[in-house]
Amino acid sequence: MIRANRLHHVVLNVSDLDASIDFYTKVLGLTVAVRSEERGSAFLSFGDEHHDLALFQRATGPAPEDS
């Protein structure tokens, strides 16, 4: 297992928020500081900062039509 102990404000757009949270908590040992279902986001931390890693659910489905 990788044991990172610090990141510096990394932000990722992910295709599967739940799977990404699972991966980063299990593999890097981060914990979920805040999660927003409404915004499709999660902020993960090693504990010293509010968050070290921000994850945002990438939009899926067809693009909106031009008006």
PDB file of N, CA and C in Angstrom:
ATOM      1  N   MET A   1       0.839  -1.177   0.000  1.00  0.00           N
ATOM      2  CA  MET A   1       0.000   0.000   0.000  1.00  0.00           C
ATOM      3  C   MET A   1       0.885   1.242   0.000  1.00  0.00           C
ATOM      4  N   ILE A   2       0.508   2.226  -0.796  1.00  0.00           N
ATOM      5  CA  ILE A   2       1.213   3.500  -0.829  1.00  0.00           C
ATOM      6  C   ILE A   2       0.840   4.275   0.424  1.00  0.00           C
ATOM      7  N   ARG A   3       1.810   4.864   1.085  1.00  0.00           N
ATOM      8  CA  ARG A   3       1.540   5.666   2.272  1.00  0.00           C
ATOM      9  C   ARG A   3       2.022   7.091   2.048  1.00  0.00           C
ATOM     10  N   ALA A   4       1.255   7.844   1.283  1.00  0.00           N
ATOM     11  CA  ALA A   4       1.542   9.266   1.128  1.00  0.00           C
ATOM     12  C   ALA A   4       1.104   9.937   2.418  1.00  0.00           C
ATOM     13  N   ASN A   5       1.758  11.028   2.773  1.00  0.00           N
ATOM     14  CA  ASN A   5       1.326  11.735   3.965  1.00  0.00           C
ATOM     15  C   ASN A   5       1.020  13.201   3.691  1.00  0.00           C
ATOM     16  N   ARG A   6       1.145  13.589   2.417  1.00  0.00           N
ATOM     17  CA  ARG A   6       0.848  14.972   2.092  1.00  0.00           C
ATOM     18  C   ARG A   6       0.591  15.132   0.599  1.00  0.00           C
ATOM     19  N   LEU A   7      -0.387  15.910   0.286  1.00  0.00           N
ATOM     20  CA  LEU A   7      -0.659  16.389  -1.061  1.00  0.00           C
ATOM     21  C   LEU A   7      -0.802  17.897  -0.923  1.00  0.00           C
ATOM     22  N   HIS A   8      -0.836  18.584  -2.033  1.00  0.00           N
ATOM     23  CA  HIS A   8      -1.018  20.029  -1.928  1.00  0.00           C
ATOM     24  C   HIS A   8      -2.135  20.467  -2.861  1.00  0.00           C
ATOM     25  N   HIS A   9      -3.352  20.412  -2.362  1.00  0.00           N
ATOM     26  CA  HIS A   9      -4.535  20.891  -3.056  1.00  0.00           C
ATOM     27  C   HIS A   9      -4.642  20.360  -4.488  1.00  0.00           C
ATOM     28  N   VAL A  10      -4.828  19.073  -4.601  1.00  0.00           N
ATOM     29  CA  VAL A  10      -5.027  18.424  -5.892  1.00  0.00           C
ATOM     30  C   VAL A  10      -6.528  18.364  -6.158  1.00  0.00           C
ATOM     31  N   VAL A  11      -6.943  18.716  -7.383  1.00  0.00           N
ATOM     32  CA  VAL A  11      -8.346  18.666  -7.778  1.00  0.00           C
ATOM     33  C   VAL A  11      -8.459  17.770  -9.005  1.00  0.00           C
ATOM     34  N   LEU A  12      -9.362  16.791  -8.937  1.00  0.00           N
ATOM     35  CA  LEU A  12      -9.556  15.859 -10.044  1.00  0.00           C
ATOM     36  C   LEU A  12     -11.020  15.809 -10.454  1.00  0.00           C
ATOM     37  N   ASN A  13     -11.270  15.764 -11.748  1.00  0.00           N
ATOM     38  CA  ASN A  13     -12.594  15.466 -12.295  1.00  0.00           C
ATOM     39  C   ASN A  13     -12.618  13.962 -12.544  1.00  0.00           C
ATOM     40  N   VAL A  14     -13.589  13.276 -11.969  1.00  0.00           N
ATOM     41  CA  VAL A  14     -13.622  11.818 -12.041  1.00  0.00           C
ATOM     42  C   VAL A  14     -14.917  11.342 -12.690  1.00  0.00           C
ATOM     43  N   SER A  15     -14.857  10.160 -13.281  1.00  0.00           N
ATOM     44  CA  SER A  15     -16.045   9.619 -13.941  1.00  0.00           C
ATOM     45  C   SER A  15     -16.952   8.870 -12.973  1.00  0.00           C
ATOM     46  N   ASP A  16     -16.429   8.438 -11.829  1.00  0.00           N
ATOM     47  CA  ASP A  16     -17.226   7.712 -10.838  1.00  0.00           C
ATOM     48  C   ASP A  16     -16.794   8.184  -9.449  1.00  0.00           C
ATOM     49  N   LEU A  17     -17.566   9.079  -8.869  1.00  0.00           N
ATOM     50  CA  LEU A  17     -17.203   9.678  -7.584  1.00  0.00           C
ATOM     51  C   LEU A  17     -17.095   8.630  -6.482  1.00  0.00           C
ATOM     52  N   ASP A  18     -18.052   7.726  -6.396  1.00  0.00           N
ATOM     53  CA  ASP A  18     -18.022   6.708  -5.338  1.00  0.00           C
ATOM     54  C   ASP A  18     -16.790   5.813  -5.441  1.00  0.00           C
ATOM     55  N   ALA A  19     -16.483   5.364  -6.651  1.00  0.00           N
ATOM     56  CA  ALA A  19     -15.317   4.500  -6.846  1.00  0.00           C
ATOM     57  C   ALA A  19     -14.027   5.257  -6.543  1.00  0.00           C
ATOM     58  N   SER A  20     -13.988   6.536  -6.886  1.00  0.00           N
ATOM     59  CA  SER A  20     -12.796   7.340  -6.626  1.00  0.00           C
ATOM     60  C   SER A  20     -12.594   7.559  -5.130  1.00  0.00           C
ATOM     61  N   ILE A  21     -13.678   7.841  -4.411  1.00  0.00           N
ATOM     62  CA  ILE A  21     -13.584   7.977  -2.957  1.00  0.00           C
ATOM     63  C   ILE A  21     -13.077   6.681  -2.349  1.00  0.00           C
ATOM     64  N   ASP A  22     -13.631   5.562  -2.787  1.00  0.00           N
ATOM     65  CA  ASP A  22     -13.217   4.255  -2.290  1.00  0.00           C
ATOM     66  C   ASP A  22     -11.726   4.036  -2.532  1.00  0.00           C
ATOM     67  N   PHE A  23     -11.265   4.343  -3.732  1.00  0.00           N
ATOM     68  CA  PHE A  23      -9.863   4.152  -4.084  1.00  0.00           C
ATOM     69  C   PHE A  23      -8.940   5.001  -3.213  1.00  0.00           C
ATOM     70  N   TYR A  24      -9.191   6.296  -3.138  1.00  0.00           N
ATOM     71  CA  TYR A  24      -8.280   7.189  -2.419  1.00  0.00           C
ATOM     72  C   TYR A  24      -8.322   6.994  -0.909  1.00  0.00           C
ATOM     73  N   THR A  25      -9.441   6.544  -0.377  1.00  0.00           N
ATOM     74  CA  THR A  25      -9.471   6.268   1.059  1.00  0.00           C
ATOM     75  C   THR A  25      -8.756   4.958   1.381  1.00  0.00           C
ATOM     76  N   LYS A  26      -8.919   3.962   0.529  1.00  0.00           N
ATOM     77  CA  LYS A  26      -8.276   2.673   0.787  1.00  0.00           C
ATOM     78  C   LYS A  26      -6.797   2.662   0.423  1.00  0.00           C
ATOM     79  N   VAL A  27      -6.434   3.256  -0.708  1.00  0.00           N
ATOM     80  CA  VAL A  27      -5.058   3.165  -1.193  1.00  0.00           C
ATOM     81  C   VAL A  27      -4.150   4.212  -0.548  1.00  0.00           C
ATOM     82  N   LEU A  28      -4.636   5.442  -0.422  1.00  0.00           N
ATOM     83  CA  LEU A  28      -3.787   6.489   0.147  1.00  0.00           C
ATOM     84  C   LEU A  28      -4.066   6.776   1.617  1.00  0.00           C
ATOM     85  N   GLY A  29      -5.170   6.261   2.144  1.00  0.00           N
ATOM     86  CA  GLY A  29      -5.488   6.473   3.545  1.00  0.00           C
ATOM     87  C   GLY A  29      -6.140   7.809   3.853  1.00  0.00           C
ATOM     88  N   LEU A  30      -6.657   8.493   2.834  1.00  0.00           N
ATOM     89  CA  LEU A  30      -7.374   9.752   3.048  1.00  0.00           C
ATOM     90  C   LEU A  30      -8.720   9.479   3.705  1.00  0.00           C
ATOM     91  N   THR A  31      -9.285  10.496   4.358  1.00  0.00           N
ATOM     92  CA  THR A  31     -10.626  10.384   4.911  1.00  0.00           C
ATOM     93  C   THR A  31     -11.502  11.463   4.275  1.00  0.00           C
ATOM     94  N   VAL A  32     -12.794  11.191   4.205  1.00  0.00           N
ATOM     95  CA  VAL A  32     -13.725  12.156   3.620  1.00  0.00           C
ATOM     96  C   VAL A  32     -13.985  13.257   4.642  1.00  0.00           C
ATOM     97  N   ALA A  33     -13.640  14.493   4.279  1.00  0.00           N
ATOM     98  CA  ALA A  33     -13.886  15.644   5.149  1.00  0.00           C
ATOM     99  C   ALA A  33     -15.282  16.196   4.902  1.00  0.00           C
ATOM    100  N   VAL A  34     -15.641  16.324   3.626  1.00  0.00           N
ATOM    101  CA  VAL A  34     -16.948  16.853   3.230  1.00  0.00           C
ATOM    102  C   VAL A  34     -17.354  16.175   1.933  1.00  0.00           C
ATOM    103  N   ARG A  35     -18.657  15.865   1.847  1.00  0.00           N
ATOM    104  CA  ARG A  35     -19.184  15.327   0.592  1.00  0.00           C
ATOM    105  C   ARG A  35     -20.494  16.020   0.286  1.00  0.00           C
ATOM    106  N   SER A  36     -20.672  16.408  -0.974  1.00  0.00           N
ATOM    107  CA  SER A  36     -21.910  17.050  -1.396  1.00  0.00           C
ATOM    108  C   SER A  36     -22.514  16.260  -2.545  1.00  0.00           C
ATOM    109  N   GLU A  37     -23.626  15.603  -2.267  1.00  0.00           N
ATOM    110  CA  GLU A  37     -24.334  14.872  -3.321  1.00  0.00           C
ATOM    111  C   GLU A  37     -24.866  15.860  -4.358  1.00  0.00           C
ATOM    112  N   GLU A  38     -25.352  17.001  -3.889  1.00  0.00           N
ATOM    113  CA  GLU A  38     -25.922  18.014  -4.776  1.00  0.00           C
ATOM    114  C   GLU A  38     -24.903  18.523  -5.792  1.00  0.00           C
ATOM    115  N   ARG A  39     -23.698  18.738  -5.353  1.00  0.00           N
ATOM    116  CA  ARG A  39     -22.646  19.253  -6.248  1.00  0.00           C
ATOM    117  C   ARG A  39     -21.814  18.152  -6.883  1.00  0.00           C
ATOM    118  N   GLY A  40     -21.993  16.919  -6.450  1.00  0.00           N
ATOM    119  CA  GLY A  40     -21.205  15.817  -6.989  1.00  0.00           C
ATOM    120  C   GLY A  40     -19.739  15.974  -6.662  1.00  0.00           C
ATOM    121  N   SER A  41     -19.455  16.293  -5.402  1.00  0.00           N
ATOM    122  CA  SER A  41     -18.069  16.545  -5.019  1.00  0.00           C
ATOM    123  C   SER A  41     -17.754  15.912  -3.668  1.00  0.00           C
ATOM    124  N   ALA A  42     -16.462  15.719  -3.451  1.00  0.00           N
ATOM    125  CA  ALA A  42     -15.979  15.232  -2.165  1.00  0.00           C
ATOM    126  C   ALA A  42     -14.604  15.840  -1.915  1.00  0.00           C
ATOM    127  N   PHE A  43     -14.365  16.167  -0.660  1.00  0.00           N
ATOM    128  CA  PHE A  43     -13.078  16.721  -0.248  1.00  0.00           C
ATOM    129  C   PHE A  43     -12.461  15.746   0.740  1.00  0.00           C
ATOM    130  N   LEU A  44     -11.263  15.274   0.439  1.00  0.00           N
ATOM    131  CA  LEU A  44     -10.601  14.264   1.251  1.00  0.00           C
ATOM    132  C   LEU A  44      -9.365  14.860   1.911  1.00  0.00           C
ATOM    133  N   SER A  45      -9.029  14.330   3.083  1.00  0.00           N
ATOM    134  CA  SER A  45      -7.947  14.912   3.867  1.00  0.00           C
ATOM    135  C   SER A  45      -7.108  13.836   4.543  1.00  0.00           C
ATOM    136  N   PHE A  46      -5.834  14.177   4.783  1.00  0.00           N
ATOM    137  CA  PHE A  46      -4.983  13.342   5.623  1.00  0.00           C
ATOM    138  C   PHE A  46      -5.162  13.711   7.094  1.00  0.00           C
ATOM    139  N   GLY A  47      -5.863  14.816   7.376  1.00  0.00           N
ATOM    140  CA  GLY A  47      -6.169  15.182   8.744  1.00  0.00           C
ATOM    141  C   GLY A  47      -5.603  16.519   9.200  1.00  0.00           C
ATOM    142  N   ASP A  48      -4.548  16.992   8.567  1.00  0.00           N
ATOM    143  CA  ASP A  48      -3.949  18.256   8.990  1.00  0.00           C
ATOM    144  C   ASP A  48      -4.588  19.464   8.324  1.00  0.00           C
ATOM    145  N   GLU A  49      -5.073  19.299   7.119  1.00  0.00           N
ATOM    146  CA  GLU A  49      -5.707  20.376   6.358  1.00  0.00           C
ATOM    147  C   GLU A  49      -7.192  20.046   6.185  1.00  0.00           C
ATOM    148  N   HIS A  50      -7.988  21.074   5.868  1.00  0.00           N
ATOM    149  CA  HIS A  50      -9.406  20.813   5.586  1.00  0.00           C
ATOM    150  C   HIS A  50      -9.530  19.763   4.493  1.00  0.00           C
ATOM    151  N   HIS A  51      -8.775  19.948   3.405  1.00  0.00           N
ATOM    152  CA  HIS A  51      -8.728  18.926   2.368  1.00  0.00           C
ATOM    153  C   HIS A  51      -7.403  18.988   1.629  1.00  0.00           C
ATOM    154  N   ASP A  52      -6.967  17.819   1.219  1.00  0.00           N
ATOM    155  CA  ASP A  52      -5.761  17.685   0.411  1.00  0.00           C
ATOM    156  C   ASP A  52      -6.121  17.332  -1.031  1.00  0.00           C
ATOM    157  N   LEU A  53      -7.272  16.704  -1.197  1.00  0.00           N
ATOM    158  CA  LEU A  53      -7.715  16.238  -2.507  1.00  0.00           C
ATOM    159  C   LEU A  53      -9.198  16.550  -2.673  1.00  0.00           C
ATOM    160  N   ALA A  54      -9.532  17.200  -3.781  1.00  0.00           N
ATOM    161  CA  ALA A  54     -10.932  17.476  -4.113  1.00  0.00           C
ATOM    162  C   ALA A  54     -11.303  16.634  -5.330  1.00  0.00           C
ATOM    163  N   LEU A  55     -12.442  15.984  -5.258  1.00  0.00           N
ATOM    164  CA  LEU A  55     -12.944  15.165  -6.363  1.00  0.00           C
ATOM    165  C   LEU A  55     -14.267  15.734  -6.831  1.00  0.00           C
ATOM    166  N   PHE A  56     -14.415  15.884  -8.141  1.00  0.00           N
ATOM    167  CA  PHE A  56     -15.662  16.374  -8.721  1.00  0.00           C
ATOM    168  C   PHE A  56     -16.142  15.390  -9.768  1.00  0.00           C
ATOM    169  N   GLN A  57     -17.410  14.993  -9.659  1.00  0.00           N
ATOM    170  CA  GLN A  57     -18.019  14.087 -10.629  1.00  0.00           C
ATOM    171  C   GLN A  57     -18.089  14.778 -11.982  1.00  0.00           C
ATOM    172  N   ARG A  58     -17.471  14.171 -12.975  1.00  0.00           N
ATOM    173  CA  ARG A  58     -17.525  14.701 -14.340  1.00  0.00           C
ATOM    174  C   ARG A  58     -18.931  14.519 -14.873  1.00  0.00           C
ATOM    175  N   ALA A  59     -19.395  15.505 -15.619  1.00  0.00           N
ATOM    176  CA  ALA A  59     -20.729  15.432 -16.216  1.00  0.00           C
ATOM    177  C   ALA A  59     -20.783  14.262 -17.189  1.00  0.00           C
ATOM    178  N   THR A  60     -21.928  13.581 -17.199  1.00  0.00           N
ATOM    179  CA  THR A  60     -22.123  12.469 -18.125  1.00  0.00           C
ATOM    180  C   THR A  60     -23.374  12.724 -18.935  1.00  0.00           C
ATOM    181  N   GLY A  61     -23.543  11.985 -19.970  1.00  0.00           N
ATOM    182  CA  GLY A  61     -24.730  12.137 -20.807  1.00  0.00           C
ATOM    183  C   GLY A  61     -24.468  13.107 -21.949  1.00  0.00           C
ATOM    184  N   PRO A  62     -25.501  13.351 -22.735  1.00  0.00           N
ATOM    185  CA  PRO A  62     -25.328  14.214 -23.893  1.00  0.00           C
ATOM    186  C   PRO A  62     -25.132  15.671 -23.485  1.00  0.00           C
ATOM    187  N   ALA A  63     -24.407  16.394 -24.291  1.00  0.00           N
ATOM    188  CA  ALA A  63     -24.199  17.824 -24.066  1.00  0.00           C
ATOM    189  C   ALA A  63     -25.518  18.575 -24.252  1.00  0.00           C
ATOM    190  N   PRO A  64     -25.713  19.658 -23.518  1.00  0.00           N
ATOM    191  CA  PRO A  64     -26.940  20.432 -23.714  1.00  0.00           C
ATOM    192  C   PRO A  64     -27.005  21.015 -25.123  1.00  0.00           C
ATOM    193  N   GLU A  65     -28.210  21.166 -25.628  1.00  0.00           N
ATOM    194  CA  GLU A  65     -28.381  21.726 -26.966  1.00  0.00           C
ATOM    195  C   GLU A  65     -28.132  23.214 -26.946  1.00  0.00           C
ATOM    196  N   ASP A  66     -27.587  23.729 -28.051  1.00  0.00           N
ATOM    197  CA  ASP A  66     -27.415  25.184 -28.187  1.00  0.00           C
ATOM    198  C   ASP A  66     -28.792  25.829 -28.311  1.00  0.00           C
ATOM    199  N   SER A  67     -28.924  27.015 -27.745  1.00  0.00           N
ATOM    200  CA  SER A  67     -30.235  27.698 -27.860  1.00  0.00           C
ATOM    201  C   SER A  67     -30.173  28.847 -28.824  1.00  0.00           C
TER     202      SER A  67
END
